[in-house]
Amino acid sequence: MRTLFAMRRANGDWFALDDNGRFRVPVFRNNGDAMIARSRDAGMECFRPVALDPSALQNLTSTQESSACFWLVGDPARKLTRGVRLNQKELLNVIYEVDGDGVRADG
């Protein structure tokens, strides 16, 4: 299992970007990448990196929109929109290291 991070405020709000009317949550490969992005974006100053464990994912995907979308950020030193768009199933595949055929990469 791979640990990914998203940005969350103390009040429980998640940081999200507007992607043509849909909100996407930036997801980072590690805590350091999240902190780099935070230092470059004033809108994230009240947010902290949170590991996307099952509880956090449940919280993210049980919002009113219930169709949470994500950005897997490629390089946090560049624009946050430089990355890969993912839906919830694709994000879970990345976290659980499952390939496109539904097979775990470690066997």
Protein backbone atom coordinates (compact mmCIF):
# COMPACT_ATOMS: atom_id res chain seq x y z
CA MET A 1 0.00 0.00 0.00
CA ARG A 2 1.26 3.47 -0.92
CA THR A 3 0.63 6.50 1.29
CA LEU A 4 -0.51 9.63 -0.53
CA PHE A 5 -1.31 13.02 0.98
CA ALA A 6 -3.93 15.75 0.49
CA MET A 7 -4.27 19.15 2.17
CA ARG A 8 -6.84 19.65 4.93
CA ARG A 9 -7.72 22.46 7.34
CA ALA A 10 -8.26 21.99 11.06
CA ASN A 11 -12.02 22.47 10.52
CA GLY A 12 -12.09 19.47 8.16
CA ASP A 13 -12.25 21.32 4.81
CA TRP A 14 -10.16 19.83 2.00
CA PHE A 15 -8.16 21.99 -0.41
CA ALA A 16 -9.48 21.64 -3.96
CA LEU A 17 -8.90 23.27 -7.34
CA ASP A 18 -11.60 24.36 -9.76
CA ASP A 19 -11.30 22.26 -12.92
CA ASN A 20 -13.90 23.75 -15.27
CA GLY A 21 -16.62 23.68 -12.63
CA ARG A 22 -15.56 20.41 -11.00
CA PHE A 23 -13.48 20.41 -7.88
CA ARG A 24 -10.34 18.31 -7.80
CA VAL A 25 -8.31 17.54 -4.70
CA PRO A 26 -4.55 17.73 -5.29
CA VAL A 27 -2.87 14.54 -4.10
CA PHE A 28 0.85 14.35 -3.33
CA ARG A 29 3.27 11.42 -3.32
CA ASN A 30 4.70 12.39 0.06
CA ASN A 31 4.46 14.91 2.89
CA GLY A 32 7.45 16.87 1.56
CA ASP A 33 5.83 17.41 -1.85
CA ALA A 34 2.67 18.67 -0.12
CA MET A 35 4.70 21.15 1.93
CA ILE A 36 6.53 22.41 -1.17
CA ALA A 37 3.20 23.03 -2.91
CA ARG A 38 1.86 24.73 0.21
CA SER A 39 4.83 27.10 0.31
CA ARG A 40 4.16 28.14 -3.30
CA ASP A 41 0.39 28.69 -3.04
CA ALA A 42 -0.93 31.31 -0.60
CA GLY A 43 -4.39 29.69 -0.75
CA MET A 44 -3.02 26.64 1.02
CA GLU A 45 -1.47 28.42 4.02
CA CYS A 46 -4.19 27.24 6.44
CA PHE A 47 -4.02 23.65 5.18
CA ARG A 48 -1.79 20.80 6.37
CA PRO A 49 -0.83 17.53 4.69
CA VAL A 50 -3.00 14.58 5.74
CA ALA A 51 -2.36 10.97 4.80
CA LEU A 52 -5.14 9.55 2.64
CA ASP A 53 -5.96 6.59 4.85
CA PRO A 54 -9.33 4.80 4.53
CA SER A 55 -10.97 7.21 7.01
CA ALA A 56 -9.78 10.30 5.10
CA LEU A 57 -10.88 8.81 1.78
CA GLN A 58 -14.31 8.02 3.23
CA ASN A 59 -14.61 11.63 4.39
CA LEU A 60 -13.56 12.97 1.00
CA THR A 61 -15.90 10.76 -0.99
CA SER A 62 -18.97 11.16 1.24
CA THR A 63 -19.43 14.86 0.50
CA GLN A 64 -22.59 16.25 -1.06
CA GLU A 65 -21.03 15.97 -4.52
CA SER A 66 -20.03 12.35 -3.77
CA SER A 67 -17.98 12.30 -6.95
CA ALA A 68 -14.67 13.47 -5.59
CA CYS A 69 -12.00 13.90 -8.24
CA PHE A 70 -8.29 14.16 -7.74
CA TRP A 71 -5.03 15.46 -9.24
CA LEU A 72 -1.95 13.34 -8.65
CA VAL A 73 0.55 16.19 -8.62
CA GLY A 74 3.64 15.45 -10.70
CA ASP A 75 5.95 18.26 -9.58
CA PRO A 76 4.86 20.39 -6.60
CA ALA A 77 7.41 23.08 -7.49
CA ARG A 78 5.43 23.78 -10.68
CA LYS A 79 1.73 24.42 -11.15
CA LEU A 80 -0.58 22.18 -9.15
CA THR A 81 -2.52 21.42 -12.30
CA ARG A 82 0.51 19.65 -13.76
CA GLY A 83 -0.33 16.09 -12.95
CA VAL A 84 -2.72 13.27 -13.66
CA ARG A 85 -6.50 13.52 -13.31
CA LEU A 86 -7.89 10.62 -11.31
CA ASN A 87 -11.35 9.51 -10.27
CA GLN A 88 -11.91 7.71 -6.97
CA LYS A 89 -11.35 4.22 -8.40
CA GLU A 90 -8.14 5.27 -10.14
CA LEU A 91 -6.87 6.87 -6.92
CA LEU A 92 -7.57 3.68 -4.99
CA ASN A 93 -5.66 1.72 -7.64
CA VAL A 94 -2.65 3.99 -7.12
CA ILE A 95 -2.88 3.70 -3.33
CA TYR A 96 -3.23 -0.07 -3.37
CA GLU A 97 -0.73 -0.38 -6.25
CA VAL A 98 -3.16 -2.15 -8.55
CA ASP A 99 -2.54 -2.15 -12.30
CA GLY A 100 -5.18 -1.53 -14.97
CA ASP A 101 -6.29 -5.18 -14.87
CA GLY A 102 -7.09 -5.07 -11.14
CA VAL A 103 -3.96 -7.00 -10.16
CA ARG A 104 -1.73 -5.83 -7.33
CA ALA A 105 1.71 -4.89 -8.61
CA ASP A 106 3.40 -6.93 -5.88
CA GLY A 107 1.68 -10.12 -6.87
